[in-house]
Amino acid sequence: MVSRIDLEFRDYLDSRIAAVTDAEHCVRLNYETYFFGNLWTRERFLSDPVLYCGLLTDPVTRQRFRPNERSPRARHEDVTYYFETKAGRDEFKAGPESFRLPGWSM
């Protein structure tokens, strides 16, 4: 038997607003997903994602770290990835599909 669990997500930057869980109101960084209740808060987040994102998982080392404005980064299939090191970024860029999580589309 399958039971349905109703989940409600709140806007990542403004918890007073219910998030909209569609692609237009979503941002992905590394393996994390952020949902927003309106396009204004989504754009505010995108104006400086390092300021707002908190800890991310480095796709190469799988270590949690807090990126900063100097963190190496790369884009792959419309997702920005931050890395702990330039060597990790270069390894990712050489074969990004090898760093995909099982069941996770990039």
PDB file of N, CA and C in Angstrom:
ATOM      1  N   MET A   1       0.842  -1.167   0.000  1.00  0.00           N
ATOM      2  CA  MET A   1       0.000   0.000   0.000  1.00  0.00           C
ATOM      3  C   MET A   1       0.894   1.239   0.000  1.00  0.00           C
ATOM      4  N   VAL A   2       0.542   2.223  -0.795  1.00  0.00           N
ATOM      5  CA  VAL A   2       1.282   3.473  -0.871  1.00  0.00           C
ATOM      6  C   VAL A   2       0.488   4.543  -0.144  1.00  0.00           C
ATOM      7  N   SER A   3       1.149   5.232   0.751  1.00  0.00           N
ATOM      8  CA  SER A   3       0.477   6.339   1.421  1.00  0.00           C
ATOM      9  C   SER A   3       1.133   7.638   0.973  1.00  0.00           C
ATOM     10  N   ARG A   4       0.356   8.661   0.935  1.00  0.00           N
ATOM     11  CA  ARG A   4       0.860   9.946   0.498  1.00  0.00           C
ATOM     12  C   ARG A   4       1.251  10.772   1.709  1.00  0.00           C
ATOM     13  N   ILE A   5       2.409  11.377   1.620  1.00  0.00           N
ATOM     14  CA  ILE A   5       2.876  12.269   2.674  1.00  0.00           C
ATOM     15  C   ILE A   5       2.863  13.673   2.089  1.00  0.00           C
ATOM     16  N   ASP A   6       2.087  14.527   2.694  1.00  0.00           N
ATOM     17  CA  ASP A   6       2.042  15.908   2.247  1.00  0.00           C
ATOM     18  C   ASP A   6       3.177  16.682   2.907  1.00  0.00           C
ATOM     19  N   LEU A   7       4.039  17.225   2.085  1.00  0.00           N
ATOM     20  CA  LEU A   7       5.144  18.032   2.581  1.00  0.00           C
ATOM     21  C   LEU A   7       4.959  19.458   2.110  1.00  0.00           C
ATOM     22  N   GLU A   8       5.292  20.380   2.971  1.00  0.00           N
ATOM     23  CA  GLU A   8       5.252  21.774   2.587  1.00  0.00           C
ATOM     24  C   GLU A   8       6.655  22.340   2.754  1.00  0.00           C
ATOM     25  N   PHE A   9       7.160  22.965   1.707  1.00  0.00           N
ATOM     26  CA  PHE A   9       8.463  23.597   1.757  1.00  0.00           C
ATOM     27  C   PHE A   9       8.274  25.101   1.891  1.00  0.00           C
ATOM     28  N   ARG A  10       9.165  25.721   2.628  1.00  0.00           N
ATOM     29  CA  ARG A  10       9.141  27.167   2.805  1.00  0.00           C
ATOM     30  C   ARG A  10      10.212  27.787   1.915  1.00  0.00           C
ATOM     31  N   ASP A  11      10.003  29.018   1.516  1.00  0.00           N
ATOM     32  CA  ASP A  11      10.975  29.764   0.732  1.00  0.00           C
ATOM     33  C   ASP A  11      12.303  29.768   1.479  1.00  0.00           C
ATOM     34  N   TYR A  12      13.401  29.485   0.779  1.00  0.00           N
ATOM     35  CA  TYR A  12      14.699  29.364   1.434  1.00  0.00           C
ATOM     36  C   TYR A  12      15.128  30.653   2.126  1.00  0.00           C
ATOM     37  N   LEU A  13      14.801  31.821   1.562  1.00  0.00           N
ATOM     38  CA  LEU A  13      15.217  33.081   2.155  1.00  0.00           C
ATOM     39  C   LEU A  13      14.156  33.747   3.021  1.00  0.00           C
ATOM     40  N   ASP A  14      12.903  33.379   2.825  1.00  0.00           N
ATOM     41  CA  ASP A  14      11.819  33.997   3.583  1.00  0.00           C
ATOM     42  C   ASP A  14      10.841  32.912   4.023  1.00  0.00           C
ATOM     43  N   SER A  15      11.008  32.431   5.235  1.00  0.00           N
ATOM     44  CA  SER A  15      10.212  31.295   5.717  1.00  0.00           C
ATOM     45  C   SER A  15       8.734  31.623   5.890  1.00  0.00           C
ATOM     46  N   ARG A  16       8.360  32.882   5.747  1.00  0.00           N
ATOM     47  CA  ARG A  16       6.940  33.243   5.826  1.00  0.00           C
ATOM     48  C   ARG A  16       6.192  32.858   4.552  1.00  0.00           C
ATOM     49  N   ILE A  17       6.939  32.567   3.481  1.00  0.00           N
ATOM     50  CA  ILE A  17       6.348  32.293   2.172  1.00  0.00           C
ATOM     51  C   ILE A  17       6.455  30.799   1.868  1.00  0.00           C
ATOM     52  N   ALA A  18       5.368  30.207   1.412  1.00  0.00           N
ATOM     53  CA  ALA A  18       5.415  28.811   0.959  1.00  0.00           C
ATOM     54  C   ALA A  18       6.201  28.747  -0.343  1.00  0.00           C
ATOM     55  N   ALA A  19       7.069  27.763  -0.461  1.00  0.00           N
ATOM     56  CA  ALA A  19       7.854  27.592  -1.682  1.00  0.00           C
ATOM     57  C   ALA A  19       7.008  26.960  -2.779  1.00  0.00           C
ATOM     58  N   VAL A  20       7.356  27.289  -3.997  1.00  0.00           N
ATOM     59  CA  VAL A  20       6.749  26.667  -5.168  1.00  0.00           C
ATOM     60  C   VAL A  20       7.754  25.638  -5.661  1.00  0.00           C
ATOM     61  N   THR A  21       7.326  24.406  -5.800  1.00  0.00           N
ATOM     62  CA  THR A  21       8.265  23.325  -6.122  1.00  0.00           C
ATOM     63  C   THR A  21       8.235  22.984  -7.614  1.00  0.00           C
ATOM     64  N   ASP A  22       8.465  23.999  -8.437  1.00  0.00           N
ATOM     65  CA  ASP A  22       8.622  23.759  -9.869  1.00  0.00           C
ATOM     66  C   ASP A  22      10.002  24.253 -10.295  1.00  0.00           C
ATOM     67  N   ALA A  23      10.374  23.964 -11.517  1.00  0.00           N
ATOM     68  CA  ALA A  23      11.715  24.295 -11.999  1.00  0.00           C
ATOM     69  C   ALA A  23      11.980  25.796 -11.996  1.00  0.00           C
ATOM     70  N   GLU A  24      10.961  26.591 -12.225  1.00  0.00           N
ATOM     71  CA  GLU A  24      11.140  28.041 -12.297  1.00  0.00           C
ATOM     72  C   GLU A  24      11.498  28.650 -10.938  1.00  0.00           C
ATOM     73  N   HIS A  25      11.071  28.027  -9.857  1.00  0.00           N
ATOM     74  CA  HIS A  25      11.293  28.548  -8.504  1.00  0.00           C
ATOM     75  C   HIS A  25      12.386  27.775  -7.754  1.00  0.00           C
ATOM     76  N   CYS A  26      13.198  27.052  -8.473  1.00  0.00           N
ATOM     77  CA  CYS A  26      14.198  26.163  -7.888  1.00  0.00           C
ATOM     78  C   CYS A  26      15.597  26.570  -8.362  1.00  0.00           C
ATOM     79  N   VAL A  27      16.572  26.399  -7.493  1.00  0.00           N
ATOM     80  CA  VAL A  27      17.980  26.595  -7.844  1.00  0.00           C
ATOM     81  C   VAL A  27      18.739  25.386  -7.335  1.00  0.00           C
ATOM     82  N   ARG A  28      19.617  24.861  -8.172  1.00  0.00           N
ATOM     83  CA  ARG A  28      20.494  23.765  -7.746  1.00  0.00           C
ATOM     84  C   ARG A  28      21.934  24.249  -7.727  1.00  0.00           C
ATOM     85  N   LEU A  29      22.624  23.964  -6.639  1.00  0.00           N
ATOM     86  CA  LEU A  29      24.061  24.175  -6.501  1.00  0.00           C
ATOM     87  C   LEU A  29      24.635  22.863  -6.018  1.00  0.00           C
ATOM     88  N   ASN A  30      25.651  22.384  -6.700  1.00  0.00           N
ATOM     89  CA  ASN A  30      26.230  21.093  -6.358  1.00  0.00           C
ATOM     90  C   ASN A  30      25.105  20.069  -6.268  1.00  0.00           C
ATOM     91  N   TYR A  31      24.979  19.351  -5.164  1.00  0.00           N
ATOM     92  CA  TYR A  31      23.918  18.352  -5.029  1.00  0.00           C
ATOM     93  C   TYR A  31      22.728  18.887  -4.239  1.00  0.00           C
ATOM     94  N   GLU A  32      22.769  20.162  -3.861  1.00  0.00           N
ATOM     95  CA  GLU A  32      21.708  20.743  -3.059  1.00  0.00           C
ATOM     96  C   GLU A  32      20.668  21.429  -3.945  1.00  0.00           C
ATOM     97  N   THR A  33      19.440  21.455  -3.451  1.00  0.00           N
ATOM     98  CA  THR A  33      18.328  22.092  -4.153  1.00  0.00           C
ATOM     99  C   THR A  33      17.678  23.092  -3.216  1.00  0.00           C
ATOM    100  N   TYR A  34      17.422  24.282  -3.727  1.00  0.00           N
ATOM    101  CA  TYR A  34      16.810  25.370  -2.960  1.00  0.00           C
ATOM    102  C   TYR A  34      15.503  25.748  -3.648  1.00  0.00           C
ATOM    103  N   PHE A  35      14.439  25.907  -2.859  1.00  0.00           N
ATOM    104  CA  PHE A  35      13.131  26.280  -3.393  1.00  0.00           C
ATOM    105  C   PHE A  35      12.741  27.664  -2.886  1.00  0.00           C
ATOM    106  N   PHE A  36      12.018  28.388  -3.729  1.00  0.00           N
ATOM    107  CA  PHE A  36      11.621  29.754  -3.421  1.00  0.00           C
ATOM    108  C   PHE A  36      10.137  29.937  -3.697  1.00  0.00           C
ATOM    109  N   GLY A  37       9.542  30.859  -2.972  1.00  0.00           N
ATOM    110  CA  GLY A  37       8.113  31.115  -3.112  1.00  0.00           C
ATOM    111  C   GLY A  37       7.775  32.113  -4.195  1.00  0.00           C
ATOM    112  N   ASN A  38       8.778  32.893  -4.604  1.00  0.00           N
ATOM    113  CA  ASN A  38       8.553  33.838  -5.695  1.00  0.00           C
ATOM    114  C   ASN A  38       9.877  34.062  -6.424  1.00  0.00           C
ATOM    115  N   LEU A  39       9.788  34.667  -7.572  1.00  0.00           N
ATOM    116  CA  LEU A  39      10.986  34.859  -8.387  1.00  0.00           C
ATOM    117  C   LEU A  39      11.908  35.924  -7.803  1.00  0.00           C
ATOM    118  N   TRP A  40      11.363  36.841  -7.001  1.00  0.00           N
ATOM    119  CA  TRP A  40      12.195  37.872  -6.398  1.00  0.00           C
ATOM    120  C   TRP A  40      13.196  37.251  -5.425  1.00  0.00           C
ATOM    121  N   THR A  41      12.745  36.345  -4.539  1.00  0.00           N
ATOM    122  CA  THR A  41      13.680  35.735  -3.582  1.00  0.00           C
ATOM    123  C   THR A  41      14.647  34.801  -4.304  1.00  0.00           C
ATOM    124  N   ARG A  42      14.190  34.149  -5.358  1.00  0.00           N
ATOM    125  CA  ARG A  42      15.094  33.307  -6.151  1.00  0.00           C
ATOM    126  C   ARG A  42      16.211  34.154  -6.765  1.00  0.00           C
ATOM    127  N   GLU A  43      15.866  35.292  -7.351  1.00  0.00           N
ATOM    128  CA  GLU A  43      16.865  36.170  -7.959  1.00  0.00           C
ATOM    129  C   GLU A  43      17.784  36.784  -6.907  1.00  0.00           C
ATOM    130  N   ARG A  44      17.254  37.085  -5.739  1.00  0.00           N
ATOM    131  CA  ARG A  44      18.087  37.587  -4.639  1.00  0.00           C
ATOM    132  C   ARG A  44      19.136  36.542  -4.259  1.00  0.00           C
ATOM    133  N   PHE A  45      18.721  35.289  -4.145  1.00  0.00           N
ATOM    134  CA  PHE A  45      19.647  34.192  -3.861  1.00  0.00           C
ATOM    135  C   PHE A  45      20.708  34.096  -4.958  1.00  0.00           C
ATOM    136  N   LEU A  46      20.280  34.147  -6.216  1.00  0.00           N
ATOM    137  CA  LEU A  46      21.207  34.013  -7.343  1.00  0.00           C
ATOM    138  C   LEU A  46      22.164  35.196  -7.472  1.00  0.00           C
ATOM    139  N   SER A  47      21.800  36.351  -6.898  1.00  0.00           N
ATOM    140  CA  SER A  47      22.693  37.504  -6.973  1.00  0.00           C
ATOM    141  C   SER A  47      23.991  37.265  -6.207  1.00  0.00           C
ATOM    142  N   ASP A  48      23.964  36.398  -5.199  1.00  0.00           N
ATOM    143  CA  ASP A  48      25.159  36.061  -4.419  1.00  0.00           C
ATOM    144  C   ASP A  48      24.942  34.716  -3.722  1.00  0.00           C
ATOM    145  N   PRO A  49      24.918  33.616  -4.487  1.00  0.00           N
ATOM    146  CA  PRO A  49      24.609  32.316  -3.872  1.00  0.00           C
ATOM    147  C   PRO A  49      25.565  31.914  -2.758  1.00  0.00           C
ATOM    148  N   VAL A  50      26.824  32.317  -2.838  1.00  0.00           N
ATOM    149  CA  VAL A  50      27.787  31.963  -1.800  1.00  0.00           C
ATOM    150  C   VAL A  50      27.389  32.585  -0.461  1.00  0.00           C
ATOM    151  N   LEU A  51      26.812  33.762  -0.493  1.00  0.00           N
ATOM    152  CA  LEU A  51      26.361  34.420   0.730  1.00  0.00           C
ATOM    153  C   LEU A  51      25.255  33.631   1.409  1.00  0.00           C
ATOM    154  N   TYR A  52      24.372  33.019   0.618  1.00  0.00           N
ATOM    155  CA  TYR A  52      23.165  32.404   1.159  1.00  0.00           C
ATOM    156  C   TYR A  52      23.187  30.870   1.276  1.00  0.00           C
ATOM    157  N   CYS A  53      24.025  30.192   0.526  1.00  0.00           N
ATOM    158  CA  CYS A  53      23.863  28.743   0.373  1.00  0.00           C
ATOM    159  C   CYS A  53      24.252  27.911   1.583  1.00  0.00           C
ATOM    160  N   GLY A  54      25.169  28.356   2.405  1.00  0.00           N
ATOM    161  CA  GLY A  54      25.626  27.518   3.517  1.00  0.00           C
ATOM    162  C   GLY A  54      26.576  26.439   3.026  1.00  0.00           C
ATOM    163  N   LEU A  55      26.550  25.284   3.674  1.00  0.00           N
ATOM    164  CA  LEU A  55      27.450  24.188   3.307  1.00  0.00           C
ATOM    165  C   LEU A  55      26.997  23.526   2.015  1.00  0.00           C
ATOM    166  N   LEU A  56      27.973  23.147   1.186  1.00  0.00           N
ATOM    167  CA  LEU A  56      27.730  22.385  -0.039  1.00  0.00           C
ATOM    168  C   LEU A  56      28.583  21.129   0.005  1.00  0.00           C
ATOM    169  N   THR A  57      28.237  20.167  -0.817  1.00  0.00           N
ATOM    170  CA  THR A  57      29.030  18.948  -0.953  1.00  0.00           C
ATOM    171  C   THR A  57      29.887  19.059  -2.198  1.00  0.00           C
ATOM    172  N   ASP A  58      31.199  19.000  -2.028  1.00  0.00           N
ATOM    173  CA  ASP A  58      32.103  19.019  -3.176  1.00  0.00           C
ATOM    174  C   ASP A  58      31.845  17.753  -3.982  1.00  0.00           C
ATOM    175  N   PRO A  59      31.538  17.862  -5.281  1.00  0.00           N
ATOM    176  CA  PRO A  59      31.194  16.665  -6.058  1.00  0.00           C
ATOM    177  C   PRO A  59      32.359  15.695  -6.256  1.00  0.00           C
ATOM    178  N   VAL A  60      33.584  16.157  -6.104  1.00  0.00           N
ATOM    179  CA  VAL A  60      34.743  15.285  -6.296  1.00  0.00           C
ATOM    180  C   VAL A  60      35.118  14.581  -4.996  1.00  0.00           C
ATOM    181  N   THR A  61      35.275  15.339  -3.927  1.00  0.00           N
ATOM    182  CA  THR A  61      35.710  14.753  -2.661  1.00  0.00           C
ATOM    183  C   THR A  61      34.550  14.271  -1.804  1.00  0.00           C
ATOM    184  N   ARG A  62      33.332  14.747  -2.102  1.00  0.00           N
ATOM    185  CA  ARG A  62      32.114  14.462  -1.328  1.00  0.00           C
ATOM    186  C   ARG A  62      32.200  14.997   0.103  1.00  0.00           C
ATOM    187  N   GLN A  63      33.105  15.947   0.323  1.00  0.00           N
ATOM    188  CA  GLN A  63      33.235  16.592   1.622  1.00  0.00           C
ATOM    189  C   GLN A  63      32.339  17.817   1.664  1.00  0.00           C
ATOM    190  N   ARG A  64      31.761  18.072   2.843  1.00  0.00           N
ATOM    191  CA  ARG A  64      30.960  19.282   3.029  1.00  0.00           C
ATOM    192  C   ARG A  64      31.911  20.447   3.288  1.00  0.00           C
ATOM    193  N   PHE A  65      31.632  21.591   2.669  1.00  0.00           N
ATOM    194  CA  PHE A  65      32.461  22.768   2.868  1.00  0.00           C
ATOM    195  C   PHE A  65      31.610  24.006   2.626  1.00  0.00           C
ATOM    196  N   ARG A  66      32.089  25.130   3.114  1.00  0.00           N
ATOM    197  CA  ARG A  66      31.403  26.402   2.906  1.00  0.00           C
ATOM    198  C   ARG A  66      32.162  27.164   1.816  1.00  0.00           C
ATOM    199  N   PRO A  67      31.553  27.322   0.640  1.00  0.00           N
ATOM    200  CA  PRO A  67      32.254  28.042  -0.429  1.00  0.00           C
ATOM    201  C   PRO A  67      32.356  29.535  -0.109  1.00  0.00           C
ATOM    202  N   ASN A  68      33.314  30.174  -0.756  1.00  0.00           N
ATOM    203  CA  ASN A  68      33.427  31.626  -0.652  1.00  0.00           C
ATOM    204  C   ASN A  68      33.611  32.189  -2.055  1.00  0.00           C
ATOM    205  N   GLU A  69      33.765  33.495  -2.159  1.00  0.00           N
ATOM    206  CA  GLU A  69      33.829  34.116  -3.483  1.00  0.00           C
ATOM    207  C   GLU A  69      35.045  33.677  -4.297  1.00  0.00           C
ATOM    208  N   ARG A  70      36.059  33.123  -3.659  1.00  0.00           N
ATOM    209  CA  ARG A  70      37.244  32.633  -4.373  1.00  0.00           C
ATOM    210  C   ARG A  70      37.183  31.134  -4.688  1.00  0.00           C
ATOM    211  N   SER A  71      36.137  30.465  -4.265  1.00  0.00           N
ATOM    212  CA  SER A  71      36.037  29.013  -4.495  1.00  0.00           C
ATOM    213  C   SER A  71      35.986  28.719  -5.989  1.00  0.00           C
ATOM    214  N   PRO A  72      36.754  27.726  -6.429  1.00  0.00           N
ATOM    215  CA  PRO A  72      36.665  27.328  -7.833  1.00  0.00           C
ATOM    216  C   PRO A  72      35.252  26.856  -8.152  1.00  0.00           C
ATOM    217  N   ARG A  73      34.811  27.105  -9.372  1.00  0.00           N
ATOM    218  CA  ARG A  73      33.455  26.702  -9.763  1.00  0.00           C
ATOM    219  C   ARG A  73      33.437  26.296 -11.219  1.00  0.00           C
ATOM    220  N   ALA A  74      32.392  25.574 -11.569  1.00  0.00           N
ATOM    221  CA  ALA A  74      32.170  25.141 -12.953  1.00  0.00           C
ATOM    222  C   ALA A  74      30.678  25.001 -13.167  1.00  0.00           C
ATOM    223  N   ARG A  75      30.253  25.141 -14.415  1.00  0.00           N
ATOM    224  CA  ARG A  75      28.840  24.923 -14.759  1.00  0.00           C
ATOM    225  C   ARG A  75      28.747  23.669 -15.607  1.00  0.00           C
ATOM    226  N   HIS A  76      27.724  22.895 -15.320  1.00  0.00           N
ATOM    227  CA  HIS A  76      27.445  21.697 -16.119  1.00  0.00           C
ATOM    228  C   HIS A  76      25.936  21.529 -16.164  1.00  0.00           C
ATOM    229  N   GLU A  77      25.379  21.455 -17.360  1.00  0.00           N
ATOM    230  CA  GLU A  77      23.944  21.291 -17.561  1.00  0.00           C
ATOM    231  C   GLU A  77      23.133  22.249 -16.685  1.00  0.00           C
ATOM    232  N   ASP A  78      23.471  23.521 -16.755  1.00  0.00           N
ATOM    233  CA  ASP A  78      22.758  24.604 -16.061  1.00  0.00           C
ATOM    234  C   ASP A  78      22.821  24.546 -14.542  1.00  0.00           C
ATOM    235  N   VAL A  79      23.763  23.811 -13.988  1.00  0.00           N
ATOM    236  CA  VAL A  79      23.962  23.772 -12.536  1.00  0.00           C
ATOM    237  C   VAL A  79      25.367  24.289 -12.250  1.00  0.00           C
ATOM    238  N   THR A  80      25.475  25.194 -11.282  1.00  0.00           N
ATOM    239  CA  THR A  80      26.785  25.670 -10.849  1.00  0.00           C
ATOM    240  C   THR A  80      27.298  24.746  -9.756  1.00  0.00           C
ATOM    241  N   TYR A  81      28.549  24.340  -9.894  1.00  0.00           N
ATOM    242  CA  TYR A  81      29.208  23.488  -8.906  1.00  0.00           C
ATOM    243  C   TYR A  81      30.387  24.261  -8.318  1.00  0.00           C
ATOM    244  N   TYR A  82      30.491  24.246  -6.995  1.00  0.00           N
ATOM    245  CA  TYR A  82      31.614  24.849  -6.283  1.00  0.00           C
ATOM    246  C   TYR A  82      32.507  23.732  -5.763  1.00  0.00           C
ATOM    247  N   PHE A  83      33.813  24.025  -5.666  1.00  0.00           N
ATOM    248  CA  PHE A  83      34.800  23.018  -5.280  1.00  0.00           C
ATOM    249  C   PHE A  83      35.721  23.559  -4.206  1.00  0.00           C
ATOM    250  N   GLU A  84      36.268  22.646  -3.433  1.00  0.00           N
ATOM    251  CA  GLU A  84      37.240  23.030  -2.413  1.00  0.00           C
ATOM    252  C   GLU A  84      38.565  23.444  -3.038  1.00  0.00           C
ATOM    253  N   THR A  85      38.927  22.798  -4.164  1.00  0.00           N
ATOM    254  CA  THR A  85      40.225  23.070  -4.788  1.00  0.00           C
ATOM    255  C   THR A  85      40.090  23.197  -6.303  1.00  0.00           C
ATOM    256  N   LYS A  86      41.081  23.848  -6.911  1.00  0.00           N
ATOM    257  CA  LYS A  86      41.126  23.946  -8.369  1.00  0.00           C
ATOM    258  C   LYS A  86      41.350  22.572  -8.993  1.00  0.00           C
ATOM    259  N   ALA A  87      42.130  21.733  -8.324  1.00  0.00           N
ATOM    260  CA  ALA A  87      42.367  20.379  -8.836  1.00  0.00           C
ATOM    261  C   ALA A  87      41.061  19.598  -8.908  1.00  0.00           C
ATOM    262  N   GLY A  88      40.211  19.742  -7.896  1.00  0.00           N
ATOM    263  CA  GLY A  88      38.905  19.086  -7.908  1.00  0.00           C
ATOM    264  C   GLY A  88      38.039  19.597  -9.048  1.00  0.00           C
ATOM    265  N   ARG A  89      38.043  20.912  -9.253  1.00  0.00           N
ATOM    266  CA  ARG A  89      37.278  21.482 -10.364  1.00  0.00           C
ATOM    267  C   ARG A  89      37.772  20.931 -11.696  1.00  0.00           C
ATOM    268  N   ASP A  90      39.084  20.865 -11.869  1.00  0.00           N
ATOM    269  CA  ASP A  90      39.642  20.372 -13.126  1.00  0.00           C
ATOM    270  C   ASP A  90      39.294  18.901 -13.351  1.00  0.00           C
ATOM    271  N   GLU A  91      39.320  18.114 -12.295  1.00  0.00           N
ATOM    272  CA  GLU A  91      38.938  16.701 -12.395  1.00  0.00           C
ATOM    273  C   GLU A  91      37.465  16.575 -12.787  1.00  0.00           C
ATOM    274  N   PHE A  92      36.618  17.387 -12.190  1.00  0.00           N
ATOM    275  CA  PHE A  92      35.196  17.388 -12.521  1.00  0.00           C
ATOM    276  C   PHE A  92      34.980  17.767 -13.985  1.00  0.00           C
ATOM    277  N   LYS A  93      35.641  18.821 -14.435  1.00  0.00           N
ATOM    278  CA  LYS A  93      35.457  19.294 -15.802  1.00  0.00           C
ATOM    279  C   LYS A  93      35.911  18.261 -16.833  1.00  0.00           C
ATOM    280  N   ALA A  94      36.868  17.414 -16.453  1.00  0.00           N
ATOM    281  CA  ALA A  94      37.363  16.381 -17.369  1.00  0.00           C
ATOM    282  C   ALA A  94      36.349  15.255 -17.563  1.00  0.00           C
ATOM    283  N   GLY A  95      35.426  15.077 -16.634  1.00  0.00           N
ATOM    284  CA  GLY A  95      34.432  14.001 -16.757  1.00  0.00           C
ATOM    285  C   GLY A  95      33.291  14.184 -15.781  1.00  0.00           C
ATOM    286  N   PRO A  96      32.456  15.210 -15.954  1.00  0.00           N
ATOM    287  CA  PRO A  96      31.424  15.511 -14.951  1.00  0.00           C
ATOM    288  C   PRO A  96      30.425  14.384 -14.699  1.00  0.00           C
ATOM    289  N   GLU A  97      30.127  13.590 -15.696  1.00  0.00           N
ATOM    290  CA  GLU A  97      29.142  12.511 -15.504  1.00  0.00           C
ATOM    291  C   GLU A  97      29.621  11.453 -14.515  1.00  0.00           C
ATOM    292  N   SER A  98      30.918  11.333 -14.342  1.00  0.00           N
ATOM    293  CA  SER A  98      31.434  10.331 -13.397  1.00  0.00           C
ATOM    294  C   SER A  98      31.187  10.741 -11.939  1.00  0.00           C
ATOM    295  N   PHE A  99      30.763  11.982 -11.713  1.00  0.00           N
ATOM    296  CA  PHE A  99      30.511  12.459 -10.358  1.00  0.00           C
ATOM    297  C   PHE A  99      29.020  12.552 -10.049  1.00  0.00           C
ATOM    298  N   ARG A 100      28.214  11.987 -10.902  1.00  0.00           N
ATOM    299  CA  ARG A 100      26.768  11.986 -10.681  1.00  0.00           C
ATOM    300  C   ARG A 100      26.427  11.010  -9.552  1.00  0.00           C
ATOM    301  N   LEU A 101      25.543  11.421  -8.687  1.00  0.00           N
ATOM    302  CA  LEU A 101      25.072  10.529  -7.628  1.00  0.00           C
ATOM    303  C   LEU A 101      24.127   9.494  -8.241  1.00  0.00           C
ATOM    304  N   PRO A 102      24.060   8.289  -7.694  1.00  0.00           N
ATOM    305  CA  PRO A 102      23.123   7.294  -8.220  1.00  0.00           C
ATOM    306  C   PRO A 102      21.690   7.826  -8.198  1.00  0.00           C
ATOM    307  N   GLY A 103      21.012   7.724  -9.330  1.00  0.00           N
ATOM    308  CA  GLY A 103      19.641   8.185  -9.416  1.00  0.00           C
ATOM    309  C   GLY A 103      19.476   9.687  -9.552  1.00  0.00           C
ATOM    310  N   TRP A 104      20.557  10.404  -9.708  1.00  0.00           N
ATOM    311  CA  TRP A 104      20.532  11.870  -9.751  1.00  0.00           C
ATOM    312  C   TRP A 104      20.870  12.342 -11.153  1.00  0.00           C
ATOM    313  N   SER A 105      19.980  13.094 -11.748  1.00  0.00           N
ATOM    314  CA  SER A 105      20.282  13.612 -13.084  1.00  0.00           C
ATOM    315  C   SER A 105      21.028  14.925 -12.935  1.00  0.00           C
ATOM    316  N   MET A 106      21.977  15.137 -13.795  1.00  0.00           N
ATOM    317  CA  MET A 106      22.750  16.367 -13.776  1.00  0.00           C
ATOM    318  C   MET A 106      22.228  17.219 -14.876  1.00  0.00           C
TER     319      MET A 106
END
